[in-house]
Amino acid sequence: MQDNPRRGIILMISATIIFAIQDGISRYLAESYDIITIVAIRYWFFVVFVCAYSARKSGGFTQAAYTKQPWVQAGRGVLLALQICVAVLGFTQVGLVHFHAIFASYPLMVMALSVPLLKETVGWRRWLAVGLGFAGVLVILRPGSTLFDSTALVPLCAAIMMATYGILTRYAARQDSAETSFFWTGVAGALTITLIVPFFWAPPQGQDWWWMGLLCITGASAHYLLISALNTTHASTVQPFAYFQLVFASTIGIVVFADTLDRTLIIGSVMIVGSGLFALNRERRAKIAPSSSAVG
């Protein structure tokens, strides 16, 4: 792997911009069409992209598909497909701003779950960051207050599902390559949504097919940029910039869909993102100096 941090960061930020645009298009279409239909068309295009990408790699389909843990890989793909459905539902129920503010907590959930499930070590500083991040989620949700809305639990559910997907991905990476995990993500997800979609199918009409096409293109483009970023430099270098998706998606939500910001949402978001960035920095330092008891 080449190591070009500047190019990797540019690619990652570009990916977050396109992912944010994809979220905006998903929300627009979900206001008129069933979510399962939208996700199905998106996945059908995505699996073609995955297969084309896998075919170009050394070893082709055979090497990409080979795994000693098919149930883990299939479970990852199924879970991500269902998580995307929940996420699009969240876009329509609470808006892009509110959704991404809570969803930004999922890397902290991955860190917390990695201890009991993957037997990884997390120092007290990172545990403090996890606690502060979850406190930020509570600030946004405001449970027990008259302002609490149960629909706000949808993005929390999406974050938990994404965190579980992240844990399964880390587990699968112990035996399989990133290309294998990518292949199974697309194929298993596409098969899952294909089995479900006949019960919900309602094809887009007129010009909405253009929006659906743009949704598919943005999805494939964003994943390609993300893969390129990870192939250009180390993941620890570009991961912090993934939080830009919160900024870009929120901007689209405010400008296009008239989403609103309030003080508690801003405070909670700062707590979550700040905690996530701190935890990522501590994790990077722990990998550089694993034997140092001062890094946690």
C-alpha atoms as a PDB file:
ATOM      1  CA  MET A   1       0.000   0.000   0.000  1.00  0.00           C
ATOM      2  CA  GLN A   2       1.238   3.459  -0.857  1.00  0.00           C
ATOM      3  CA  ASP A   3       1.173   6.014   1.946  1.00  0.00           C
ATOM      4  CA  ASN A   4      -0.083   9.382   0.760  1.00  0.00           C
ATOM      5  CA  PRO A   5      -1.954  10.941   3.701  1.00  0.00           C
ATOM      6  CA  ARG A   6      -2.944  14.123   1.873  1.00  0.00           C
ATOM      7  CA  ARG A   7      -4.523  12.233  -1.010  1.00  0.00           C
ATOM      8  CA  GLY A   8      -6.184   9.777   1.381  1.00  0.00           C
ATOM      9  CA  ILE A   9      -7.747  12.604   3.387  1.00  0.00           C
ATOM     10  CA  ILE A  10      -9.040  14.309   0.225  1.00  0.00           C
ATOM     11  CA  LEU A  11     -10.547  11.013  -0.948  1.00  0.00           C
ATOM     12  CA  MET A  12     -12.193  10.417   2.438  1.00  0.00           C
ATOM     13  CA  ILE A  13     -13.713  13.901   2.584  1.00  0.00           C
ATOM     14  CA  SER A  14     -14.931  13.488  -0.998  1.00  0.00           C
ATOM     15  CA  ALA A  15     -16.541  10.168  -0.002  1.00  0.00           C
ATOM     16  CA  THR A  16     -18.336  11.803   2.943  1.00  0.00           C
ATOM     17  CA  ILE A  17     -19.702  14.541   0.665  1.00  0.00           C
ATOM     18  CA  ILE A  18     -21.126  11.977  -1.746  1.00  0.00           C
ATOM     19  CA  PHE A  19     -22.480   9.801   1.070  1.00  0.00           C
ATOM     20  CA  ALA A  20     -24.264  12.915   2.410  1.00  0.00           C
ATOM     21  CA  ILE A  21     -25.747  13.605  -1.035  1.00  0.00           C
ATOM     22  CA  GLN A  22     -26.876   9.975  -1.169  1.00  0.00           C
ATOM     23  CA  ASP A  23     -28.608  10.410   2.193  1.00  0.00           C
ATOM     24  CA  GLY A  24     -30.393  13.506   0.898  1.00  0.00           C
ATOM     25  CA  ILE A  25     -31.623  11.697  -2.209  1.00  0.00           C
ATOM     26  CA  SER A  26     -32.732   8.736  -0.088  1.00  0.00           C
ATOM     27  CA  ARG A  27     -34.775  11.032   2.122  1.00  0.00           C
ATOM     28  CA  TYR A  28     -36.375  12.733  -0.892  1.00  0.00           C
ATOM     29  CA  LEU A  29     -37.378   9.428  -2.486  1.00  0.00           C
ATOM     30  CA  ALA A  30     -38.543   7.914   0.818  1.00  0.00           C
ATOM     31  CA  GLU A  31     -41.162  10.656   1.103  1.00  0.00           C
ATOM     32  CA  SER A  32     -42.929   9.171  -1.943  1.00  0.00           C
ATOM     33  CA  TYR A  33     -41.860   5.527  -2.190  1.00  0.00           C
ATOM     34  CA  ASP A  34     -41.494   2.528   0.082  1.00  0.00           C
ATOM     35  CA  ILE A  35     -38.097   2.336   1.734  1.00  0.00           C
ATOM     36  CA  ILE A  36     -37.578  -1.318   0.773  1.00  0.00           C
ATOM     37  CA  THR A  37     -38.017  -0.447  -2.911  1.00  0.00           C
ATOM     38  CA  ILE A  38     -35.423   2.321  -2.681  1.00  0.00           C
ATOM     39  CA  VAL A  39     -32.889   0.162  -0.868  1.00  0.00           C
ATOM     40  CA  ALA A  40     -33.476  -2.767  -3.246  1.00  0.00           C
ATOM     41  CA  ILE A  41     -32.745  -0.746  -6.396  1.00  0.00           C
ATOM     42  CA  ARG A  42     -29.729   0.780  -4.678  1.00  0.00           C
ATOM     43  CA  TYR A  43     -28.422  -2.681  -3.724  1.00  0.00           C
ATOM     44  CA  TRP A  44     -28.945  -4.168  -7.165  1.00  0.00           C
ATOM     45  CA  PHE A  45     -26.724  -1.495  -8.633  1.00  0.00           C
ATOM     46  CA  PHE A  46     -24.283  -1.830  -5.756  1.00  0.00           C
ATOM     47  CA  VAL A  47     -23.865  -5.589  -6.166  1.00  0.00           C
ATOM     48  CA  VAL A  48     -23.005  -5.080  -9.848  1.00  0.00           C
ATOM     49  CA  PHE A  49     -20.334  -2.620  -8.744  1.00  0.00           C
ATOM     50  CA  VAL A  50     -19.049  -5.083  -6.116  1.00  0.00           C
ATOM     51  CA  CYS A  51     -18.846  -7.917  -8.636  1.00  0.00           C
ATOM     52  CA  ALA A  52     -17.091  -5.722 -11.205  1.00  0.00           C
ATOM     53  CA  TYR A  53     -14.613  -4.557  -8.577  1.00  0.00           C
ATOM     54  CA  SER A  54     -13.962  -8.123  -7.371  1.00  0.00           C
ATOM     55  CA  ALA A  55     -13.484  -9.419 -10.916  1.00  0.00           C
ATOM     56  CA  ARG A  56     -10.696  -6.896 -11.497  1.00  0.00           C
ATOM     57  CA  LYS A  57      -8.743  -7.940  -8.393  1.00  0.00           C
ATOM     58  CA  SER A  58      -6.148 -10.692  -8.424  1.00  0.00           C
ATOM     59  CA  GLY A  59      -7.901 -14.050  -8.188  1.00  0.00           C
ATOM     60  CA  GLY A  60     -11.245 -12.675  -9.361  1.00  0.00           C
ATOM     61  CA  PHE A  61     -14.557 -13.917  -7.955  1.00  0.00           C
ATOM     62  CA  THR A  62     -13.140 -17.168  -6.607  1.00  0.00           C
ATOM     63  CA  GLN A  63     -10.655 -15.504  -4.304  1.00  0.00           C
ATOM     64  CA  ALA A  64     -13.062 -12.714  -3.297  1.00  0.00           C
ATOM     65  CA  ALA A  65     -15.826 -15.168  -2.363  1.00  0.00           C
ATOM     66  CA  TYR A  66     -13.651 -17.680  -0.522  1.00  0.00           C
ATOM     67  CA  THR A  67     -14.083 -17.613   3.244  1.00  0.00           C
ATOM     68  CA  LYS A  68     -13.903 -20.059   6.134  1.00  0.00           C
ATOM     69  CA  GLN A  69     -16.589 -18.133   7.985  1.00  0.00           C
ATOM     70  CA  PRO A  70     -19.519 -17.793   5.544  1.00  0.00           C
ATOM     71  CA  TRP A  71     -22.130 -17.350   8.278  1.00  0.00           C
ATOM     72  CA  VAL A  72     -20.273 -14.413   9.768  1.00  0.00           C
ATOM     73  CA  GLN A  73     -19.809 -12.801   6.372  1.00  0.00           C
ATOM     74  CA  ALA A  74     -23.414 -13.435   5.347  1.00  0.00           C
ATOM     75  CA  GLY A  75     -24.640 -12.082   8.677  1.00  0.00           C
ATOM     76  CA  ARG A  76     -22.671  -8.890   8.112  1.00  0.00           C
ATOM     77  CA  GLY A  77     -24.246  -8.380   4.712  1.00  0.00           C
ATOM     78  CA  VAL A  78     -27.775  -9.034   5.946  1.00  0.00           C
ATOM     79  CA  LEU A  79     -27.327  -6.726   8.921  1.00  0.00           C
ATOM     80  CA  LEU A  80     -26.011  -3.846   6.825  1.00  0.00           C
ATOM     81  CA  ALA A  81     -28.919  -4.113   4.377  1.00  0.00           C
ATOM     82  CA  LEU A  82     -31.412  -3.952   7.248  1.00  0.00           C
ATOM     83  CA  GLN A  83     -29.460  -1.118   8.872  1.00  0.00           C
ATOM     84  CA  ILE A  84     -29.720   0.960   5.696  1.00  0.00           C
ATOM     85  CA  CYS A  85     -33.501   0.454   5.722  1.00  0.00           C
ATOM     86  CA  VAL A  86     -33.662   1.682   9.323  1.00  0.00           C
ATOM     87  CA  ALA A  87     -31.405   4.627   8.461  1.00  0.00           C
ATOM     88  CA  VAL A  88     -33.606   5.791   5.577  1.00  0.00           C
ATOM     89  CA  LEU A  89     -36.620   5.484   7.868  1.00  0.00           C
ATOM     90  CA  GLY A  90     -34.756   7.692  10.326  1.00  0.00           C
ATOM     91  CA  PHE A  91     -34.108  10.320   7.641  1.00  0.00           C
ATOM     92  CA  THR A  92     -37.845  10.730   7.127  1.00  0.00           C
ATOM     93  CA  GLN A  93     -38.860  10.597  10.788  1.00  0.00           C
ATOM     94  CA  VAL A  94     -36.302  12.835  12.497  1.00  0.00           C
ATOM     95  CA  GLY A  95     -34.443  14.501   9.613  1.00  0.00           C
ATOM     96  CA  LEU A  96     -30.839  14.323   8.476  1.00  0.00           C
ATOM     97  CA  VAL A  97     -29.473  16.633  11.175  1.00  0.00           C
ATOM     98  CA  HIS A  98     -30.987  14.778  14.120  1.00  0.00           C
ATOM     99  CA  PHE A  99     -30.268  11.361  12.615  1.00  0.00           C
ATOM    100  CA  HIS A 100     -26.578  11.950  11.960  1.00  0.00           C
ATOM    101  CA  ALA A 101     -26.041  13.656  15.311  1.00  0.00           C
ATOM    102  CA  ILE A 102     -27.044  10.434  17.093  1.00  0.00           C
ATOM    103  CA  PHE A 103     -25.649   8.076  14.460  1.00  0.00           C
ATOM    104  CA  ALA A 104     -22.193   9.625  14.907  1.00  0.00           C
ATOM    105  CA  SER A 105     -21.979   7.717  18.200  1.00  0.00           C
ATOM    106  CA  TYR A 106     -21.629   4.299  16.539  1.00  0.00           C
ATOM    107  CA  PRO A 107     -17.769   4.275  16.474  1.00  0.00           C
ATOM    108  CA  LEU A 108     -17.857   4.706  20.253  1.00  0.00           C
ATOM    109  CA  MET A 109     -20.258   1.760  20.468  1.00  0.00           C
ATOM    110  CA  VAL A 110     -17.835  -0.324  18.398  1.00  0.00           C
ATOM    111  CA  MET A 111     -15.069   0.546  20.831  1.00  0.00           C
ATOM    112  CA  ALA A 112     -17.216  -0.384  23.845  1.00  0.00           C
ATOM    113  CA  LEU A 113     -18.423  -3.660  22.313  1.00  0.00           C
ATOM    114  CA  SER A 114     -14.937  -4.674  21.194  1.00  0.00           C
ATOM    115  CA  VAL A 115     -13.952  -5.349  24.816  1.00  0.00           C
ATOM    116  CA  PRO A 116     -16.464  -8.125  25.705  1.00  0.00           C
ATOM    117  CA  LEU A 117     -16.936  -9.468  22.171  1.00  0.00           C
ATOM    118  CA  LEU A 118     -13.462  -9.250  20.635  1.00  0.00           C
ATOM    119  CA  LYS A 119     -11.421  -9.261  23.860  1.00  0.00           C
ATOM    120  CA  GLU A 120      -9.702  -6.031  22.850  1.00  0.00           C
ATOM    121  CA  THR A 121      -8.173  -3.719  25.427  1.00  0.00           C
ATOM    122  CA  VAL A 122      -9.514  -0.194  25.947  1.00  0.00           C
ATOM    123  CA  GLY A 123      -7.786   2.134  28.387  1.00  0.00           C
ATOM    124  CA  TRP A 124      -9.541   4.360  30.915  1.00  0.00           C
ATOM    125  CA  ARG A 125      -9.213   7.470  28.749  1.00  0.00           C
ATOM    126  CA  ARG A 126     -11.101   5.850  25.908  1.00  0.00           C
ATOM    127  CA  TRP A 127     -13.721   4.535  28.335  1.00  0.00           C
ATOM    128  CA  LEU A 128     -14.128   8.113  29.528  1.00  0.00           C
ATOM    129  CA  ALA A 129     -14.602   9.206  25.912  1.00  0.00           C
ATOM    130  CA  VAL A 130     -17.236   6.485  25.400  1.00  0.00           C
ATOM    131  CA  GLY A 131     -19.098   7.655  28.485  1.00  0.00           C
ATOM    132  CA  LEU A 132     -19.002  11.291  27.393  1.00  0.00           C
ATOM    133  CA  GLY A 133     -20.205  10.344  23.924  1.00  0.00           C
ATOM    134  CA  PHE A 134     -23.158   8.377  25.304  1.00  0.00           C
ATOM    135  CA  ALA A 135     -23.931  11.353  27.561  1.00  0.00           C
ATOM    136  CA  GLY A 136     -24.100  13.414  24.355  1.00  0.00           C
ATOM    137  CA  VAL A 137     -26.657  10.972  22.969  1.00  0.00           C
ATOM    138  CA  LEU A 138     -28.778  11.411  26.105  1.00  0.00           C
ATOM    139  CA  VAL A 139     -28.525  15.190  25.763  1.00  0.00           C
ATOM    140  CA  ILE A 140     -29.988  14.919  22.268  1.00  0.00           C
ATOM    141  CA  LEU A 141     -32.652  12.325  23.121  1.00  0.00           C
ATOM    142  CA  ARG A 142     -33.722  14.045  26.374  1.00  0.00           C
ATOM    143  CA  PRO A 143     -35.402  10.916  27.803  1.00  0.00           C
ATOM    144  CA  GLY A 144     -37.970  11.611  30.484  1.00  0.00           C
ATOM    145  CA  SER A 145     -38.602  15.176  29.331  1.00  0.00           C
ATOM    146  CA  THR A 146     -41.752  16.442  27.666  1.00  0.00           C
ATOM    147  CA  LEU A 147     -39.660  17.012  24.513  1.00  0.00           C
ATOM    148  CA  PHE A 148     -38.730  13.323  24.171  1.00  0.00           C
ATOM    149  CA  ASP A 149     -40.040  11.697  20.995  1.00  0.00           C
ATOM    150  CA  SER A 150     -39.877   7.923  20.615  1.00  0.00           C
ATOM    151  CA  THR A 151     -39.058   8.316  16.894  1.00  0.00           C
ATOM    152  CA  ALA A 152     -35.647   9.596  18.012  1.00  0.00           C
ATOM    153  CA  LEU A 153     -34.851   6.014  18.980  1.00  0.00           C
ATOM    154  CA  VAL A 154     -34.731   5.085  15.273  1.00  0.00           C
ATOM    155  CA  PRO A 155     -31.284   6.645  14.674  1.00  0.00           C
ATOM    156  CA  LEU A 156     -30.099   5.090  17.935  1.00  0.00           C
ATOM    157  CA  CYS A 157     -31.241   1.695  16.649  1.00  0.00           C
ATOM    158  CA  ALA A 158     -29.430   2.355  13.358  1.00  0.00           C
ATOM    159  CA  ALA A 159     -26.262   3.247  15.283  1.00  0.00           C
ATOM    160  CA  ILE A 160     -26.454   0.039  17.338  1.00  0.00           C
ATOM    161  CA  MET A 161     -26.929  -2.018  14.168  1.00  0.00           C
ATOM    162  CA  MET A 162     -23.991  -0.272  12.498  1.00  0.00           C
ATOM    163  CA  ALA A 163     -21.828  -0.850  15.567  1.00  0.00           C
ATOM    164  CA  THR A 164     -22.707  -4.553  15.505  1.00  0.00           C
ATOM    165  CA  TYR A 165     -21.826  -4.627  11.813  1.00  0.00           C
ATOM    166  CA  GLY A 166     -18.500  -2.994  12.677  1.00  0.00           C
ATOM    167  CA  ILE A 167     -17.770  -5.634  15.329  1.00  0.00           C
ATOM    168  CA  LEU A 168     -18.567  -8.437  12.882  1.00  0.00           C
ATOM    169  CA  THR A 169     -16.336  -6.790  10.295  1.00  0.00           C
ATOM    170  CA  ARG A 170     -13.419  -6.654  12.741  1.00  0.00           C
ATOM    171  CA  TYR A 171     -14.006 -10.289  13.644  1.00  0.00           C
ATOM    172  CA  ALA A 172     -14.166 -11.354   9.989  1.00  0.00           C
ATOM    173  CA  ALA A 173     -10.958  -9.418   9.233  1.00  0.00           C
ATOM    174  CA  ARG A 174      -9.020 -11.834  11.457  1.00  0.00           C
ATOM    175  CA  GLN A 175      -9.308 -14.494   8.730  1.00  0.00           C
ATOM    176  CA  ASP A 176     -10.566 -12.768   5.574  1.00  0.00           C
ATOM    177  CA  SER A 177      -9.244  -9.977   3.403  1.00  0.00           C
ATOM    178  CA  ALA A 178     -11.007  -6.640   2.980  1.00  0.00           C
ATOM    179  CA  GLU A 179     -11.902  -7.657  -0.595  1.00  0.00           C
ATOM    180  CA  THR A 180     -13.674 -10.791   0.677  1.00  0.00           C
ATOM    181  CA  SER A 181     -15.650  -8.830   3.257  1.00  0.00           C
ATOM    182  CA  PHE A 182     -16.579  -6.237   0.624  1.00  0.00           C
ATOM    183  CA  PHE A 183     -17.778  -8.983  -1.748  1.00  0.00           C
ATOM    184  CA  TRP A 184     -19.974 -10.640   0.877  1.00  0.00           C
ATOM    185  CA  THR A 185     -21.353  -7.284   2.009  1.00  0.00           C
ATOM    186  CA  GLY A 186     -22.724  -6.600  -1.448  1.00  0.00           C
ATOM    187  CA  VAL A 187     -23.881 -10.094  -2.388  1.00  0.00           C
ATOM    188  CA  ALA A 188     -25.499 -11.079   0.927  1.00  0.00           C
ATOM    189  CA  GLY A 189     -27.176  -7.684   1.249  1.00  0.00           C
ATOM    190  CA  ALA A 190     -28.529  -7.805  -2.294  1.00  0.00           C
ATOM    191  CA  LEU A 191     -29.908 -11.325  -1.828  1.00  0.00           C
ATOM    192  CA  THR A 192     -31.600 -10.311   1.432  1.00  0.00           C
ATOM    193  CA  ILE A 193     -33.293  -7.237   0.052  1.00  0.00           C
ATOM    194  CA  THR A 194     -34.309  -9.141  -3.113  1.00  0.00           C
ATOM    195  CA  LEU A 195     -36.181 -11.695  -0.986  1.00  0.00           C
ATOM    196  CA  ILE A 196     -38.029  -8.930   0.852  1.00  0.00           C
ATOM    197  CA  VAL A 197     -38.806  -6.460  -1.926  1.00  0.00           C
ATOM    198  CA  PRO A 198     -41.663  -8.403  -3.655  1.00  0.00           C
ATOM    199  CA  PHE A 199     -43.868  -7.608  -0.651  1.00  0.00           C
ATOM    200  CA  PHE A 200     -43.198  -3.865  -0.922  1.00  0.00           C
ATOM    201  CA  TRP A 201     -42.376  -3.227  -4.583  1.00  0.00           C
ATOM    202  CA  ALA A 202     -43.637   0.075  -5.960  1.00  0.00           C
ATOM    203  CA  PRO A 203     -41.466   1.230  -8.885  1.00  0.00           C
ATOM    204  CA  PRO A 204     -40.525   4.900  -9.194  1.00  0.00           C
ATOM    205  CA  GLN A 205     -42.481   6.978 -11.669  1.00  0.00           C
ATOM    206  CA  GLY A 206     -41.396   9.480 -14.304  1.00  0.00           C
ATOM    207  CA  GLN A 207     -38.413  11.649 -13.432  1.00  0.00           C
ATOM    208  CA  ASP A 208     -37.935   9.882 -10.109  1.00  0.00           C
ATOM    209  CA  TRP A 209     -36.073   7.192 -12.056  1.00  0.00           C
ATOM    210  CA  TRP A 210     -33.382   9.813 -12.658  1.00  0.00           C
ATOM    211  CA  TRP A 211     -33.148  10.431  -8.927  1.00  0.00           C
ATOM    212  CA  MET A 212     -32.966   6.688  -8.351  1.00  0.00           C
ATOM    213  CA  GLY A 213     -30.187   6.429 -10.917  1.00  0.00           C
ATOM    214  CA  LEU A 214     -28.315   9.252  -9.208  1.00  0.00           C
ATOM    215  CA  LEU A 215     -28.771   7.464  -5.876  1.00  0.00           C
ATOM    216  CA  CYS A 216     -27.146   4.338  -7.313  1.00  0.00           C
ATOM    217  CA  ILE A 217     -24.271   6.277  -8.874  1.00  0.00           C
ATOM    218  CA  THR A 218     -23.539   8.219  -5.700  1.00  0.00           C
ATOM    219  CA  GLY A 219     -23.545   5.013  -3.661  1.00  0.00           C
ATOM    220  CA  ALA A 220     -21.043   3.257  -5.930  1.00  0.00           C
ATOM    221  CA  SER A 221     -18.902   6.384  -6.266  1.00  0.00           C
ATOM    222  CA  ALA A 222     -18.747   6.974  -2.514  1.00  0.00           C
ATOM    223  CA  HIS A 223     -17.728   3.372  -1.830  1.00  0.00           C
ATOM    224  CA  TYR A 224     -15.072   3.567  -4.534  1.00  0.00           C
ATOM    225  CA  LEU A 225     -13.640   6.748  -3.001  1.00  0.00           C
ATOM    226  CA  LEU A 226     -13.728   5.161   0.451  1.00  0.00           C
ATOM    227  CA  ILE A 227     -11.862   2.079  -0.786  1.00  0.00           C
ATOM    228  CA  SER A 228      -9.357   4.305  -2.576  1.00  0.00           C
ATOM    229  CA  ALA A 229      -8.798   6.344   0.591  1.00  0.00           C
ATOM    230  CA  LEU A 230      -8.090   3.210   2.626  1.00  0.00           C
ATOM    231  CA  ASN A 231      -5.758   1.923  -0.090  1.00  0.00           C
ATOM    232  CA  THR A 232      -3.905   5.247  -0.201  1.00  0.00           C
ATOM    233  CA  THR A 233      -2.987   5.644   3.458  1.00  0.00           C
ATOM    234  CA  HIS A 234      -3.582   4.123   6.881  1.00  0.00           C
ATOM    235  CA  ALA A 235      -7.156   3.863   8.177  1.00  0.00           C
ATOM    236  CA  SER A 236      -6.203   5.687  11.375  1.00  0.00           C
ATOM    237  CA  THR A 237      -5.201   8.695   9.278  1.00  0.00           C
ATOM    238  CA  VAL A 238      -8.504   9.072   7.433  1.00  0.00           C
ATOM    239  CA  GLN A 239     -11.038   7.773   9.989  1.00  0.00           C
ATOM    240  CA  PRO A 240     -11.382  11.097  11.860  1.00  0.00           C
ATOM    241  CA  PHE A 241     -12.455  12.791   8.636  1.00  0.00           C
ATOM    242  CA  ALA A 242     -15.455  10.457   8.344  1.00  0.00           C
ATOM    243  CA  TYR A 243     -17.180  12.793  10.818  1.00  0.00           C
ATOM    244  CA  PHE A 244     -17.439  15.334   8.011  1.00  0.00           C
ATOM    245  CA  GLN A 245     -20.493  13.373   6.856  1.00  0.00           C
ATOM    246  CA  LEU A 246     -22.358  14.801   9.855  1.00  0.00           C
ATOM    247  CA  VAL A 247     -21.483  18.317   8.694  1.00  0.00           C
ATOM    248  CA  PHE A 248     -22.373  17.781   5.038  1.00  0.00           C
ATOM    249  CA  ALA A 249     -25.566  15.786   5.692  1.00  0.00           C
ATOM    250  CA  SER A 250     -26.702  18.362   8.246  1.00  0.00           C
ATOM    251  CA  THR A 251     -26.093  21.153   5.738  1.00  0.00           C
ATOM    252  CA  ILE A 252     -28.256  19.359   3.179  1.00  0.00           C
ATOM    253  CA  GLY A 253     -30.916  18.781   5.821  1.00  0.00           C
ATOM    254  CA  ILE A 254     -31.017  22.455   6.809  1.00  0.00           C
ATOM    255  CA  VAL A 255     -30.775  23.975   3.321  1.00  0.00           C
ATOM    256  CA  VAL A 256     -32.915  21.520   1.337  1.00  0.00           C
ATOM    257  CA  PHE A 257     -35.335  20.027   3.863  1.00  0.00           C
ATOM    258  CA  ALA A 258     -35.582  22.902   6.374  1.00  0.00           C
ATOM    259  CA  ASP A 259     -34.302  20.780   9.267  1.00  0.00           C
ATOM    260  CA  THR A 260     -33.704  22.803  12.402  1.00  0.00           C
ATOM    261  CA  LEU A 261     -30.909  23.041  14.956  1.00  0.00           C
ATOM    262  CA  ASP A 262     -31.375  23.693  18.650  1.00  0.00           C
ATOM    263  CA  ARG A 263     -28.889  24.237  21.444  1.00  0.00           C
ATOM    264  CA  THR A 264     -29.165  20.752  22.937  1.00  0.00           C
ATOM    265  CA  LEU A 265     -28.628  19.151  19.522  1.00  0.00           C
ATOM    266  CA  ILE A 266     -25.485  21.219  18.973  1.00  0.00           C
ATOM    267  CA  ILE A 267     -24.159  20.478  22.471  1.00  0.00           C
ATOM    268  CA  GLY A 268     -24.863  16.756  22.139  1.00  0.00           C
ATOM    269  CA  SER A 269     -23.256  16.621  18.691  1.00  0.00           C
ATOM    270  CA  VAL A 270     -20.108  18.356  19.936  1.00  0.00           C
ATOM    271  CA  MET A 271     -19.897  15.900  22.829  1.00  0.00           C
ATOM    272  CA  ILE A 272     -20.285  12.880  20.537  1.00  0.00           C
ATOM    273  CA  VAL A 273     -17.906  14.025  17.792  1.00  0.00           C
ATOM    274  CA  GLY A 274     -15.341  15.362  20.255  1.00  0.00           C
ATOM    275  CA  SER A 275     -15.375  12.086  22.172  1.00  0.00           C
ATOM    276  CA  GLY A 276     -15.091  10.096  18.961  1.00  0.00           C
ATOM    277  CA  LEU A 277     -12.113  12.098  17.720  1.00  0.00           C
ATOM    278  CA  PHE A 278     -10.375  11.805  21.087  1.00  0.00           C
ATOM    279  CA  ALA A 279     -10.983   8.051  21.202  1.00  0.00           C
ATOM    280  CA  LEU A 280      -9.661   7.601  17.658  1.00  0.00           C
ATOM    281  CA  ASN A 281      -6.525   9.516  18.571  1.00  0.00           C
ATOM    282  CA  ARG A 282      -5.970   7.386  21.683  1.00  0.00           C
ATOM    283  CA  GLU A 283      -6.556   4.209  19.663  1.00  0.00           C
ATOM    284  CA  ARG A 284      -3.988   5.328  17.088  1.00  0.00           C
ATOM    285  CA  ARG A 285      -1.448   6.056  19.825  1.00  0.00           C
ATOM    286  CA  ALA A 286      -2.168   2.706  21.473  1.00  0.00           C
ATOM    287  CA  LYS A 287      -1.371   0.897  18.222  1.00  0.00           C
ATOM    288  CA  ILE A 288       1.872   2.818  17.857  1.00  0.00           C
ATOM    289  CA  ALA A 289       2.958   2.078  21.438  1.00  0.00           C
ATOM    290  CA  PRO A 290       1.029  -1.056  22.524  1.00  0.00           C
ATOM    291  CA  SER A 291       3.370  -1.772  25.389  1.00  0.00           C
ATOM    292  CA  SER A 292       2.980   1.618  27.046  1.00  0.00           C
ATOM    293  CA  SER A 293       0.702   1.583  30.055  1.00  0.00           C
ATOM    294  CA  ALA A 294       0.275   5.350  29.693  1.00  0.00           C
ATOM    295  CA  VAL A 295      -1.764   4.966  26.533  1.00  0.00           C
ATOM    296  CA  GLY A 296      -5.417   4.131  27.073  1.00  0.00           C
END
